[in-house]
């Protein structure tokens, strides 16, 4: 089974803000129209995404 589209920078930012305001994963997934699994995976370990962005020069 293939991979879905990755979370973009805006979506990752929204997830971070919502996490800080204690919104549920279900709320986040419905709002962004992404799977709960995608949201949960990002929340468990956001560092690989940040490291990949740094490697591409998209994040300082």
PDB file of N, CA and C in Angstrom:
ATOM      1  N   UNK A   1       0.838  -1.172   0.000  1.00  0.00           N
ATOM      2  CA  UNK A   1       0.000   0.000   0.000  1.00  0.00           C
ATOM      3  C   UNK A   1       0.885   1.237   0.000  1.00  0.00           C
ATOM      4  N   UNK A   2       0.533   2.213  -0.805  1.00  0.00           N
ATOM      5  CA  UNK A   2       1.348   3.417  -0.955  1.00  0.00           C
ATOM      6  C   UNK A   2       1.199   4.382   0.203  1.00  0.00           C
ATOM      7  N   UNK A   3       2.061   5.361   0.173  1.00  0.00           N
ATOM      8  CA  UNK A   3       2.031   6.389   1.201  1.00  0.00           C
ATOM      9  C   UNK A   3       1.125   7.524   0.751  1.00  0.00           C
ATOM     10  N   UNK A   4       0.468   8.132   1.704  1.00  0.00           N
ATOM     11  CA  UNK A   4      -0.347   9.305   1.412  1.00  0.00           C
ATOM     12  C   UNK A   4       0.536  10.538   1.311  1.00  0.00           C
ATOM     13  N   UNK A   5      -0.078  11.657   1.000  1.00  0.00           N
ATOM     14  CA  UNK A   5       0.667  12.900   0.952  1.00  0.00           C
ATOM     15  C   UNK A   5       1.154  13.265   2.347  1.00  0.00           C
ATOM     16  N   UNK A   6       2.340  13.847   2.396  1.00  0.00           N
ATOM     17  CA  UNK A   6       2.895  14.237   3.678  1.00  0.00           C
ATOM     18  C   UNK A   6       2.233  15.516   4.168  1.00  0.00           C
ATOM     19  N   UNK A   7       2.386  15.773   5.441  1.00  0.00           N
ATOM     20  CA  UNK A   7       1.875  17.004   6.020  1.00  0.00           C
ATOM     21  C   UNK A   7       2.735  18.166   5.542  1.00  0.00           C
ATOM     22  N   UNK A   8       2.091  19.244   5.116  1.00  0.00           N
ATOM     23  CA  UNK A   8       2.877  20.399   4.691  1.00  0.00           C
ATOM     24  C   UNK A   8       3.201  21.283   5.899  1.00  0.00           C
ATOM     25  N   UNK A   9       3.965  22.332   5.670  1.00  0.00           N
ATOM     26  CA  UNK A   9       4.442  23.187   6.754  1.00  0.00           C
ATOM     27  C   UNK A   9       3.280  23.820   7.528  1.00  0.00           C
ATOM     28  N   UNK A  10       2.268  24.282   6.817  1.00  0.00           N
ATOM     29  CA  UNK A  10       1.100  24.887   7.464  1.00  0.00           C
ATOM     30  C   UNK A  10       0.403  23.876   8.377  1.00  0.00           C
ATOM     31  N   UNK A  11       0.220  22.671   7.877  1.00  0.00           N
ATOM     32  CA  UNK A  11      -0.457  21.636   8.663  1.00  0.00           C
ATOM     33  C   UNK A  11       0.343  21.281   9.909  1.00  0.00           C
ATOM     34  N   UNK A  12       1.657  21.174   9.774  1.00  0.00           N
ATOM     35  CA  UNK A  12       2.494  20.881  10.943  1.00  0.00           C
ATOM     36  C   UNK A  12       2.393  22.003  11.976  1.00  0.00           C
ATOM     37  N   UNK A  13       2.339  23.244  11.499  1.00  0.00           N
ATOM     38  CA  UNK A  13       2.182  24.383  12.401  1.00  0.00           C
ATOM     39  C   UNK A  13       0.853  24.342  13.131  1.00  0.00           C
ATOM     40  N   UNK A  14      -0.204  24.036  12.386  1.00  0.00           N
ATOM     41  CA  UNK A  14      -1.533  23.935  12.994  1.00  0.00           C
ATOM     42  C   UNK A  14      -1.560  22.847  14.061  1.00  0.00           C
ATOM     43  N   UNK A  15      -0.958  21.714  13.760  1.00  0.00           N
ATOM     44  CA  UNK A  15      -0.922  20.609  14.724  1.00  0.00           C
ATOM     45  C   UNK A  15      -0.201  21.047  15.996  1.00  0.00           C
ATOM     46  N   UNK A  16       0.909  21.752  15.843  1.00  0.00           N
ATOM     47  CA  UNK A  16       1.667  22.212  17.012  1.00  0.00           C
ATOM     48  C   UNK A  16       0.846  23.170  17.868  1.00  0.00           C
ATOM     49  N   UNK A  17       0.144  24.095  17.218  1.00  0.00           N
ATOM     50  CA  UNK A  17      -0.693  25.050  17.954  1.00  0.00           C
ATOM     51  C   UNK A  17      -1.833  24.326  18.651  1.00  0.00           C
ATOM     52  N   UNK A  18      -2.495  23.442  17.936  1.00  0.00           N
ATOM     53  CA  UNK A  18      -3.612  22.704  18.525  1.00  0.00           C
ATOM     54  C   UNK A  18      -3.152  21.809  19.669  1.00  0.00           C
ATOM     55  N   UNK A  19      -1.973  21.226  19.545  1.00  0.00           N
ATOM     56  CA  UNK A  19      -1.433  20.392  20.625  1.00  0.00           C
ATOM     57  C   UNK A  19      -1.225  21.243  21.875  1.00  0.00           C
ATOM     58  N   UNK A  20      -0.704  22.466  21.681  1.00  0.00           N
ATOM     59  CA  UNK A  20      -0.472  23.368  22.808  1.00  0.00           C
ATOM     60  C   UNK A  20      -1.783  23.783  23.475  1.00  0.00           C
ATOM     61  N   UNK A  21      -2.863  23.826  22.699  1.00  0.00           N
ATOM     62  CA  UNK A  21      -4.171  24.191  23.258  1.00  0.00           C
ATOM     63  C   UNK A  21      -5.000  22.958  23.610  1.00  0.00           C
ATOM     64  N   UNK A  22      -4.347  21.798  23.592  1.00  0.00           N
ATOM     65  CA  UNK A  22      -4.934  20.526  24.028  1.00  0.00           C
ATOM     66  C   UNK A  22      -6.143  20.075  23.206  1.00  0.00           C
ATOM     67  N   UNK A  23      -6.098  20.308  21.901  1.00  0.00           N
ATOM     68  CA  UNK A  23      -7.141  19.782  21.016  1.00  0.00           C
ATOM     69  C   UNK A  23      -6.880  18.296  20.798  1.00  0.00           C
ATOM     70  N   UNK A  24      -7.922  17.557  20.489  1.00  0.00           N
ATOM     71  CA  UNK A  24      -7.784  16.110  20.299  1.00  0.00           C
ATOM     72  C   UNK A  24      -7.222  15.785  18.916  1.00  0.00           C
ATOM     73  N   UNK A  25      -6.651  14.603  18.805  1.00  0.00           N
ATOM     74  CA  UNK A  25      -6.140  14.130  17.520  1.00  0.00           C
ATOM     75  C   UNK A  25      -7.287  13.999  16.526  1.00  0.00           C
ATOM     76  N   UNK A  26      -8.437  13.567  16.995  1.00  0.00           N
ATOM     77  CA  UNK A  26      -9.604  13.448  16.119  1.00  0.00           C
ATOM     78  C   UNK A  26     -10.008  14.815  15.560  1.00  0.00           C
ATOM     79  N   UNK A  27     -10.011  15.838  16.405  1.00  0.00           N
ATOM     80  CA  UNK A  27     -10.312  17.198  15.949  1.00  0.00           C
ATOM     81  C   UNK A  27      -9.314  17.626  14.877  1.00  0.00           C
ATOM     82  N   UNK A  28      -8.016  17.384  15.145  1.00  0.00           N
ATOM     83  CA  UNK A  28      -6.970  17.779  14.201  1.00  0.00           C
ATOM     84  C   UNK A  28      -7.135  17.064  12.871  1.00  0.00           C
ATOM     85  N   UNK A  29      -7.394  15.760  12.926  1.00  0.00           N
ATOM     86  CA  UNK A  29      -7.493  14.982  11.686  1.00  0.00           C
ATOM     87  C   UNK A  29      -8.701  15.412  10.861  1.00  0.00           C
ATOM     88  N   UNK A  30      -9.810  15.689  11.506  1.00  0.00           N
ATOM     89  CA  UNK A  30     -10.993  16.139  10.767  1.00  0.00           C
ATOM     90  C   UNK A  30     -10.789  17.540  10.200  1.00  0.00           C
ATOM     91  N   UNK A  31     -10.146  18.413  10.960  1.00  0.00           N
ATOM     92  CA  UNK A  31      -9.915  19.782  10.505  1.00  0.00           C
ATOM     93  C   UNK A  31      -8.973  19.837   9.310  1.00  0.00           C
ATOM     94  N   UNK A  32      -7.948  18.989   9.319  1.00  0.00           N
ATOM     95  CA  UNK A  32      -6.953  18.988   8.245  1.00  0.00           C
ATOM     96  C   UNK A  32      -7.256  17.967   7.153  1.00  0.00           C
ATOM     97  N   UNK A  33      -8.289  17.165   7.371  1.00  0.00           N
ATOM     98  CA  UNK A  33      -8.651  16.092   6.442  1.00  0.00           C
ATOM     99  C   UNK A  33      -7.482  15.139   6.193  1.00  0.00           C
ATOM    100  N   UNK A  34      -6.821  14.773   7.288  1.00  0.00           N
ATOM    101  CA  UNK A  34      -5.734  13.797   7.282  1.00  0.00           C
ATOM    102  C   UNK A  34      -6.102  12.691   8.257  1.00  0.00           C
ATOM    103  N   UNK A  35      -5.431  11.565   8.167  1.00  0.00           N
ATOM    104  CA  UNK A  35      -5.753  10.445   9.051  1.00  0.00           C
ATOM    105  C   UNK A  35      -5.270  10.715  10.478  1.00  0.00           C
ATOM    106  N   UNK A  36      -5.938  10.082  11.426  1.00  0.00           N
ATOM    107  CA  UNK A  36      -5.512  10.166  12.825  1.00  0.00           C
ATOM    108  C   UNK A  36      -4.099   9.615  12.973  1.00  0.00           C
ATOM    109  N   UNK A  37      -3.793   8.580  12.208  1.00  0.00           N
ATOM    110  CA  UNK A  37      -2.466   7.957  12.265  1.00  0.00           C
ATOM    111  C   UNK A  37      -1.378   8.946  11.839  1.00  0.00           C
ATOM    112  N   UNK A  38      -1.636   9.720  10.787  1.00  0.00           N
ATOM    113  CA  UNK A  38      -0.659  10.711  10.319  1.00  0.00           C
ATOM    114  C   UNK A  38      -0.407  11.769  11.392  1.00  0.00           C
ATOM    115  N   UNK A  39      -1.474  12.220  12.026  1.00  0.00           N
ATOM    116  CA  UNK A  39      -1.353  13.223  13.085  1.00  0.00           C
ATOM    117  C   UNK A  39      -0.595  12.637  14.273  1.00  0.00           C
ATOM    118  N   UNK A  40      -0.976  11.437  14.688  1.00  0.00           N
ATOM    119  CA  UNK A  40      -0.327  10.782  15.827  1.00  0.00           C
ATOM    120  C   UNK A  40       1.153  10.549  15.570  1.00  0.00           C
ATOM    121  N   UNK A  41       1.484  10.094  14.376  1.00  0.00           N
ATOM    122  CA  UNK A  41       2.887   9.854  14.041  1.00  0.00           C
ATOM    123  C   UNK A  41       3.697  11.142  14.123  1.00  0.00           C
ATOM    124  N   UNK A  42       3.139  12.237  13.632  1.00  0.00           N
ATOM    125  CA  UNK A  42       3.855  13.513  13.707  1.00  0.00           C
ATOM    126  C   UNK A  42       4.029  13.950  15.164  1.00  0.00           C
ATOM    127  N   UNK A  43       2.982  13.807  15.967  1.00  0.00           N
ATOM    128  CA  UNK A  43       3.064  14.229  17.363  1.00  0.00           C
ATOM    129  C   UNK A  43       4.047  13.385  18.169  1.00  0.00           C
ATOM    130  N   UNK A  44       4.173  12.115  17.823  1.00  0.00           N
ATOM    131  CA  UNK A  44       5.104  11.235  18.533  1.00  0.00           C
ATOM    132  C   UNK A  44       6.549  11.631  18.284  1.00  0.00           C
ATOM    133  N   UNK A  45       6.849  12.063  17.055  1.00  0.00           N
ATOM    134  CA  UNK A  45       8.239  12.332  16.712  1.00  0.00           C
ATOM    135  C   UNK A  45       8.338  13.373  15.597  1.00  0.00           C
ATOM    136  N   UNK A  46       8.220  14.658  15.929  1.00  0.00           N
ATOM    137  CA  UNK A  46       8.300  15.685  14.892  1.00  0.00           C
ATOM    138  C   UNK A  46       9.725  15.965  14.419  1.00  0.00           C
ATOM    139  N   UNK A  47      10.737  15.482  15.119  1.00  0.00           N
ATOM    140  CA  UNK A  47      12.126  15.789  14.779  1.00  0.00           C
ATOM    141  C   UNK A  47      12.559  15.316  13.389  1.00  0.00           C
ATOM    142  N   UNK A  48      12.233  14.090  12.934  1.00  0.00           N
ATOM    143  CA  UNK A  48      12.668  13.693  11.590  1.00  0.00           C
ATOM    144  C   UNK A  48      12.144  14.630  10.504  1.00  0.00           C
ATOM    145  N   UNK A  49      10.949  15.136  10.680  1.00  0.00           N
ATOM    146  CA  UNK A  49      10.387  16.066   9.701  1.00  0.00           C
ATOM    147  C   UNK A  49      11.183  17.358   9.720  1.00  0.00           C
ATOM    148  N   UNK A  50      11.485  17.861  10.915  1.00  0.00           N
ATOM    149  CA  UNK A  50      12.267  19.082  11.035  1.00  0.00           C
ATOM    150  C   UNK A  50      13.664  18.888  10.459  1.00  0.00           C
ATOM    151  N   UNK A  51      14.288  17.746  10.718  1.00  0.00           N
ATOM    152  CA  UNK A  51      15.621  17.470  10.187  1.00  0.00           C
ATOM    153  C   UNK A  51      15.611  17.403   8.665  1.00  0.00           C
ATOM    154  N   UNK A  52      14.579  16.809   8.085  1.00  0.00           N
ATOM    155  CA  UNK A  52      14.472  16.735   6.628  1.00  0.00           C
ATOM    156  C   UNK A  52      14.314  18.125   6.033  1.00  0.00           C
ATOM    157  N   UNK A  53      13.536  18.969   6.677  1.00  0.00           N
ATOM    158  CA  UNK A  53      13.360  20.338   6.188  1.00  0.00           C
ATOM    159  C   UNK A  53      14.666  21.121   6.274  1.00  0.00           C
ATOM    160  N   UNK A  54      15.423  20.918   7.351  1.00  0.00           N
ATOM    161  CA  UNK A  54      16.715  21.585   7.482  1.00  0.00           C
ATOM    162  C   UNK A  54      17.668  21.128   6.385  1.00  0.00           C
ATOM    163  N   UNK A  55      17.661  19.844   6.080  1.00  0.00           N
ATOM    164  CA  UNK A  55      18.536  19.298   5.044  1.00  0.00           C
ATOM    165  C   UNK A  55      18.208  19.886   3.675  1.00  0.00           C
ATOM    166  N   UNK A  56      16.935  20.186   3.442  1.00  0.00           N
ATOM    167  CA  UNK A  56      16.517  20.770   2.172  1.00  0.00           C
ATOM    168  C   UNK A  56      16.671  22.283   2.164  1.00  0.00           C
ATOM    169  N   UNK A  57      17.087  22.859   3.282  1.00  0.00           N
ATOM    170  CA  UNK A  57      17.264  24.298   3.372  1.00  0.00           C
ATOM    171  C   UNK A  57      15.968  25.065   3.546  1.00  0.00           C
ATOM    172  N   UNK A  58      14.905  24.379   3.933  1.00  0.00           N
ATOM    173  CA  UNK A  58      13.611  25.031   4.101  1.00  0.00           C
ATOM    174  C   UNK A  58      13.375  25.512   5.523  1.00  0.00           C
ATOM    175  N   UNK A  59      14.243  25.105   6.435  1.00  0.00           N
ATOM    176  CA  UNK A  59      14.094  25.469   7.836  1.00  0.00           C
ATOM    177  C   UNK A  59      15.471  25.793   8.378  1.00  0.00           C
ATOM    178  N   UNK A  60      15.567  26.870   9.143  1.00  0.00           N
ATOM    179  CA  UNK A  60      16.876  27.264   9.693  1.00  0.00           C
ATOM    180  C   UNK A  60      17.197  26.505  10.939  1.00  0.00           C
TER     181      UNK A  60
END
